[in-house]
N, C-alpha and C. Protein backbone atom coordinates (compact mmCIF):
# COMPACT_ATOMS: atom_id res chain seq x y z
N MET A 1 -49.31 19.77 -23.75
CA MET A 1 -50.32 20.53 -24.49
C MET A 1 -51.69 19.92 -24.19
N ALA A 2 -52.55 20.83 -23.70
CA ALA A 2 -53.91 20.32 -23.24
C ALA A 2 -54.78 20.29 -24.56
N THR A 3 -55.72 19.29 -24.45
CA THR A 3 -56.61 19.07 -25.57
C THR A 3 -57.90 19.86 -25.25
N SER A 4 -58.52 20.39 -26.29
CA SER A 4 -59.72 21.21 -26.08
C SER A 4 -60.92 20.30 -25.98
N ALA A 5 -62.07 20.81 -25.67
CA ALA A 5 -63.28 20.02 -25.57
C ALA A 5 -63.67 19.57 -27.05
N ASN A 6 -63.37 20.33 -28.10
CA ASN A 6 -63.61 20.10 -29.45
C ASN A 6 -62.87 18.87 -29.84
N ASP A 7 -61.45 18.81 -29.46
CA ASP A 7 -60.70 17.65 -29.81
C ASP A 7 -61.17 16.44 -29.23
N GLN A 8 -61.62 16.54 -27.92
CA GLN A 8 -62.05 15.33 -27.25
C GLN A 8 -63.41 14.79 -27.81
N ALA A 9 -64.25 15.78 -28.13
CA ALA A 9 -65.55 15.27 -28.87
C ALA A 9 -65.27 14.67 -30.25
N HIS A 10 -64.26 15.27 -30.87
CA HIS A 10 -63.90 14.73 -32.27
C HIS A 10 -63.29 13.33 -32.10
N TRP A 11 -62.44 13.12 -31.15
CA TRP A 11 -61.88 11.84 -30.94
C TRP A 11 -62.90 10.75 -30.48
N SER A 12 -63.78 11.19 -29.67
CA SER A 12 -64.88 10.37 -29.10
C SER A 12 -65.79 9.82 -30.22
N LYS A 13 -66.17 10.75 -31.17
CA LYS A 13 -66.92 10.30 -32.24
C LYS A 13 -66.22 9.38 -33.26
N THR A 14 -64.88 9.74 -33.40
CA THR A 14 -64.06 8.92 -34.30
C THR A 14 -63.90 7.51 -33.82
N THR A 15 -63.63 7.43 -32.36
CA THR A 15 -63.50 6.14 -31.80
C THR A 15 -64.78 5.27 -31.86
N ARG A 16 -65.89 5.91 -31.66
CA ARG A 16 -67.20 5.12 -31.78
C ARG A 16 -67.40 4.61 -33.22
N LEU A 17 -67.09 5.44 -34.20
CA LEU A 17 -67.16 5.06 -35.56
C LEU A 17 -66.22 3.88 -35.83
N MET A 18 -64.97 3.93 -35.30
CA MET A 18 -64.02 2.93 -35.63
C MET A 18 -64.48 1.58 -34.97
N PHE A 19 -65.02 1.59 -33.73
CA PHE A 19 -65.41 0.35 -33.08
C PHE A 19 -66.59 -0.24 -33.77
N ALA A 20 -67.54 0.74 -34.32
CA ALA A 20 -68.71 0.18 -35.04
C ALA A 20 -68.17 -0.59 -36.26
N HIS A 21 -67.29 -0.06 -36.97
CA HIS A 21 -66.87 -0.65 -38.22
C HIS A 21 -66.05 -1.88 -37.92
N LEU A 22 -65.29 -1.93 -36.83
CA LEU A 22 -64.60 -3.10 -36.40
C LEU A 22 -65.57 -4.27 -36.05
N GLY A 23 -66.70 -3.92 -35.39
CA GLY A 23 -67.70 -4.78 -35.08
C GLY A 23 -68.25 -5.46 -36.31
N VAL A 24 -68.56 -4.66 -37.39
CA VAL A 24 -69.19 -5.14 -38.60
C VAL A 24 -68.05 -6.04 -39.26
N TRP A 25 -66.87 -5.60 -39.27
CA TRP A 25 -65.72 -6.39 -39.82
C TRP A 25 -65.65 -7.79 -39.14
N LEU A 26 -65.68 -7.72 -37.76
CA LEU A 26 -65.63 -8.95 -37.07
C LEU A 26 -66.78 -9.92 -37.43
N PHE A 27 -67.91 -9.41 -37.50
CA PHE A 27 -69.11 -10.16 -37.89
C PHE A 27 -68.93 -10.87 -39.21
N PHE A 28 -68.56 -9.97 -40.23
CA PHE A 28 -68.54 -10.59 -41.64
C PHE A 28 -67.20 -11.31 -41.78
N GLY A 29 -66.14 -11.06 -41.01
CA GLY A 29 -64.82 -11.73 -41.20
C GLY A 29 -64.68 -13.08 -40.51
N TYR A 30 -65.42 -13.19 -39.31
CA TYR A 30 -65.33 -14.38 -38.49
C TYR A 30 -66.65 -15.02 -38.21
N ILE A 31 -67.53 -14.27 -37.62
CA ILE A 31 -68.86 -14.85 -37.20
C ILE A 31 -69.59 -15.57 -38.24
N ILE A 32 -69.76 -14.86 -39.48
CA ILE A 32 -70.41 -15.42 -40.59
C ILE A 32 -69.72 -16.81 -40.91
N HIS A 33 -68.40 -16.86 -40.97
CA HIS A 33 -67.69 -18.08 -41.38
C HIS A 33 -67.91 -19.20 -40.33
N MET A 34 -68.05 -18.83 -39.11
CA MET A 34 -68.23 -19.91 -38.09
C MET A 34 -69.56 -20.63 -38.29
N PHE A 35 -70.49 -20.05 -39.00
CA PHE A 35 -71.88 -20.55 -39.28
C PHE A 35 -72.05 -21.08 -40.72
N VAL A 36 -70.87 -21.32 -41.37
CA VAL A 36 -70.95 -21.67 -42.87
C VAL A 36 -71.73 -22.91 -43.13
N ASN A 37 -71.66 -23.94 -42.31
CA ASN A 37 -72.46 -25.22 -42.51
C ASN A 37 -73.93 -24.93 -42.33
N VAL A 38 -74.38 -24.20 -41.44
CA VAL A 38 -75.72 -23.71 -41.30
C VAL A 38 -76.26 -22.99 -42.49
N LEU A 39 -75.39 -21.91 -42.90
CA LEU A 39 -75.79 -21.17 -44.05
C LEU A 39 -75.78 -21.85 -45.32
N ASN A 40 -74.94 -22.97 -45.48
CA ASN A 40 -74.94 -23.74 -46.72
C ASN A 40 -76.28 -24.43 -47.00
N LYS A 41 -77.16 -24.54 -45.95
CA LYS A 41 -78.45 -25.16 -46.13
C LYS A 41 -79.41 -24.24 -46.97
N VAL A 42 -79.05 -22.94 -46.99
CA VAL A 42 -79.88 -21.97 -47.72
C VAL A 42 -79.20 -21.75 -49.04
N THR A 43 -80.02 -21.80 -50.13
CA THR A 43 -79.50 -21.63 -51.47
C THR A 43 -79.89 -20.26 -52.07
N ILE A 44 -79.02 -19.55 -52.77
CA ILE A 44 -79.38 -18.33 -53.44
C ILE A 44 -80.10 -18.71 -54.64
N PRO A 45 -81.37 -18.15 -54.82
CA PRO A 45 -82.17 -18.65 -55.89
C PRO A 45 -81.60 -18.38 -57.32
N VAL A 46 -81.09 -17.14 -57.54
CA VAL A 46 -80.72 -16.80 -58.86
C VAL A 46 -79.34 -17.47 -59.29
N LEU A 47 -78.38 -17.54 -58.27
CA LEU A 47 -77.10 -18.05 -58.55
C LEU A 47 -77.01 -19.53 -58.39
N GLY A 48 -77.80 -20.08 -57.47
CA GLY A 48 -77.77 -21.64 -57.17
C GLY A 48 -76.68 -21.91 -56.29
N PHE A 49 -75.99 -20.94 -55.70
CA PHE A 49 -74.88 -21.30 -54.70
C PHE A 49 -75.42 -21.39 -53.35
N PRO A 50 -74.79 -22.18 -52.48
CA PRO A 50 -75.09 -22.20 -51.14
C PRO A 50 -74.78 -20.87 -50.49
N LEU A 51 -75.63 -20.26 -49.55
CA LEU A 51 -75.33 -18.98 -48.89
C LEU A 51 -74.00 -18.95 -48.20
N GLY A 52 -73.72 -19.94 -47.51
CA GLY A 52 -72.39 -20.00 -46.80
C GLY A 52 -71.21 -19.87 -47.71
N PHE A 53 -71.21 -20.67 -48.88
CA PHE A 53 -70.16 -20.55 -49.76
C PHE A 53 -70.13 -19.13 -50.52
N TYR A 54 -71.21 -18.54 -50.75
CA TYR A 54 -71.17 -17.21 -51.27
C TYR A 54 -70.66 -16.18 -50.25
N MET A 55 -71.08 -16.23 -49.09
CA MET A 55 -70.60 -15.31 -48.15
C MET A 55 -69.04 -15.48 -47.89
N ALA A 56 -68.59 -16.73 -47.84
CA ALA A 56 -67.10 -16.89 -47.70
C ALA A 56 -66.31 -16.40 -48.92
N ALA A 57 -66.88 -16.70 -50.11
CA ALA A 57 -66.11 -16.36 -51.33
C ALA A 57 -66.28 -14.99 -51.82
N GLN A 58 -67.49 -14.43 -51.76
CA GLN A 58 -67.83 -13.11 -52.27
C GLN A 58 -68.33 -12.07 -51.27
N GLY A 59 -69.35 -12.54 -50.53
CA GLY A 59 -70.12 -11.57 -49.64
C GLY A 59 -69.22 -10.85 -48.71
N SER A 60 -68.34 -11.48 -47.97
CA SER A 60 -67.52 -10.71 -47.10
C SER A 60 -66.68 -9.77 -47.74
N LEU A 61 -66.08 -10.05 -48.91
CA LEU A 61 -65.24 -9.17 -49.60
C LEU A 61 -66.07 -7.85 -50.12
N ILE A 62 -67.19 -8.22 -50.55
CA ILE A 62 -68.07 -7.00 -50.99
C ILE A 62 -68.44 -6.04 -49.79
N VAL A 63 -68.71 -6.65 -48.72
CA VAL A 63 -69.02 -5.87 -47.44
C VAL A 63 -67.80 -5.07 -47.09
N PHE A 64 -66.60 -5.67 -47.12
CA PHE A 64 -65.38 -4.90 -46.77
C PHE A 64 -65.11 -3.80 -47.60
N VAL A 65 -65.31 -3.84 -48.91
CA VAL A 65 -65.06 -2.78 -49.85
C VAL A 65 -66.15 -1.69 -49.70
N ILE A 66 -67.37 -1.98 -49.37
CA ILE A 66 -68.40 -1.11 -49.17
C ILE A 66 -68.10 -0.43 -47.80
N MET A 67 -67.65 -1.11 -46.77
CA MET A 67 -67.34 -0.50 -45.50
C MET A 67 -66.17 0.46 -45.67
N LEU A 68 -65.18 0.27 -46.53
CA LEU A 68 -64.06 1.21 -46.72
C LEU A 68 -64.66 2.60 -47.24
N PHE A 69 -65.45 2.56 -48.18
CA PHE A 69 -66.01 3.79 -48.62
C PHE A 69 -66.93 4.50 -47.66
N MET A 70 -67.80 3.66 -46.99
CA MET A 70 -68.63 4.18 -45.88
C MET A 70 -67.82 4.90 -44.82
N PHE A 71 -66.74 4.23 -44.35
CA PHE A 71 -65.90 4.75 -43.26
C PHE A 71 -65.26 6.00 -43.69
N ALA A 72 -64.68 6.09 -44.93
CA ALA A 72 -64.12 7.30 -45.38
C ALA A 72 -65.13 8.49 -45.38
N LYS A 73 -66.35 8.20 -45.88
CA LYS A 73 -67.37 9.26 -45.94
C LYS A 73 -67.79 9.63 -44.65
N GLN A 74 -68.04 8.72 -43.65
CA GLN A 74 -68.47 9.03 -42.28
C GLN A 74 -67.33 9.76 -41.60
N GLN A 75 -66.11 9.41 -41.73
CA GLN A 75 -65.03 10.11 -41.12
C GLN A 75 -64.89 11.52 -41.60
N ASP A 76 -65.07 11.70 -42.87
CA ASP A 76 -64.93 13.08 -43.57
C ASP A 76 -66.11 13.95 -42.92
N ASN A 77 -67.31 13.40 -42.77
CA ASN A 77 -68.38 14.09 -42.15
C ASN A 77 -68.06 14.53 -40.74
N ILE A 78 -67.46 13.62 -39.94
CA ILE A 78 -67.07 13.99 -38.58
C ILE A 78 -65.99 15.00 -38.60
N ASP A 79 -65.03 14.88 -39.53
CA ASP A 79 -63.96 15.99 -39.59
C ASP A 79 -64.48 17.26 -39.93
N ARG A 80 -65.41 17.32 -40.77
CA ARG A 80 -66.01 18.65 -41.26
C ARG A 80 -66.89 19.20 -40.10
N GLU A 81 -67.49 18.31 -39.40
CA GLU A 81 -68.34 18.77 -38.22
C GLU A 81 -67.44 19.46 -37.17
N PHE A 82 -66.22 18.99 -36.99
CA PHE A 82 -65.41 19.57 -35.97
C PHE A 82 -64.39 20.51 -36.57
N GLY A 83 -64.39 20.80 -37.85
CA GLY A 83 -63.55 21.76 -38.35
C GLY A 83 -62.10 21.29 -38.57
N VAL A 84 -61.93 20.04 -38.83
CA VAL A 84 -60.56 19.50 -38.98
C VAL A 84 -60.39 18.84 -40.32
N ALA A 85 -61.26 19.04 -41.26
CA ALA A 85 -61.39 18.37 -42.50
C ALA A 85 -60.20 18.83 -43.36
N GLU A 86 -59.78 17.98 -44.21
CA GLU A 86 -58.70 18.32 -45.19
C GLU A 86 -59.39 19.01 -46.30
N ASP A 87 -58.60 19.94 -47.01
CA ASP A 87 -59.14 20.70 -48.21
C ASP A 87 -59.26 19.71 -49.34
N ASP A 88 -60.22 19.94 -50.08
CA ASP A 88 -60.58 18.97 -51.23
C ASP A 88 -59.67 19.46 -52.43
């Protein structure tokens, strides 16, 4: 079964979106934690926590949850653009 140009364009956009979100996930899941000692020298004024501790304990989790909703919305927009969206 041959794929149409529409299917290839849809897959191309979906792949770019997936790799962009994987890059953000990699950054907040691993890279931030590699620099936790440097980040601990910065203190969050209101909370009084070191920034490295906050990013390890809460910040990364908050980013991941936000990313889930953003990815779902962006993927839905791509699906609607190419006419393959699910009915609401």
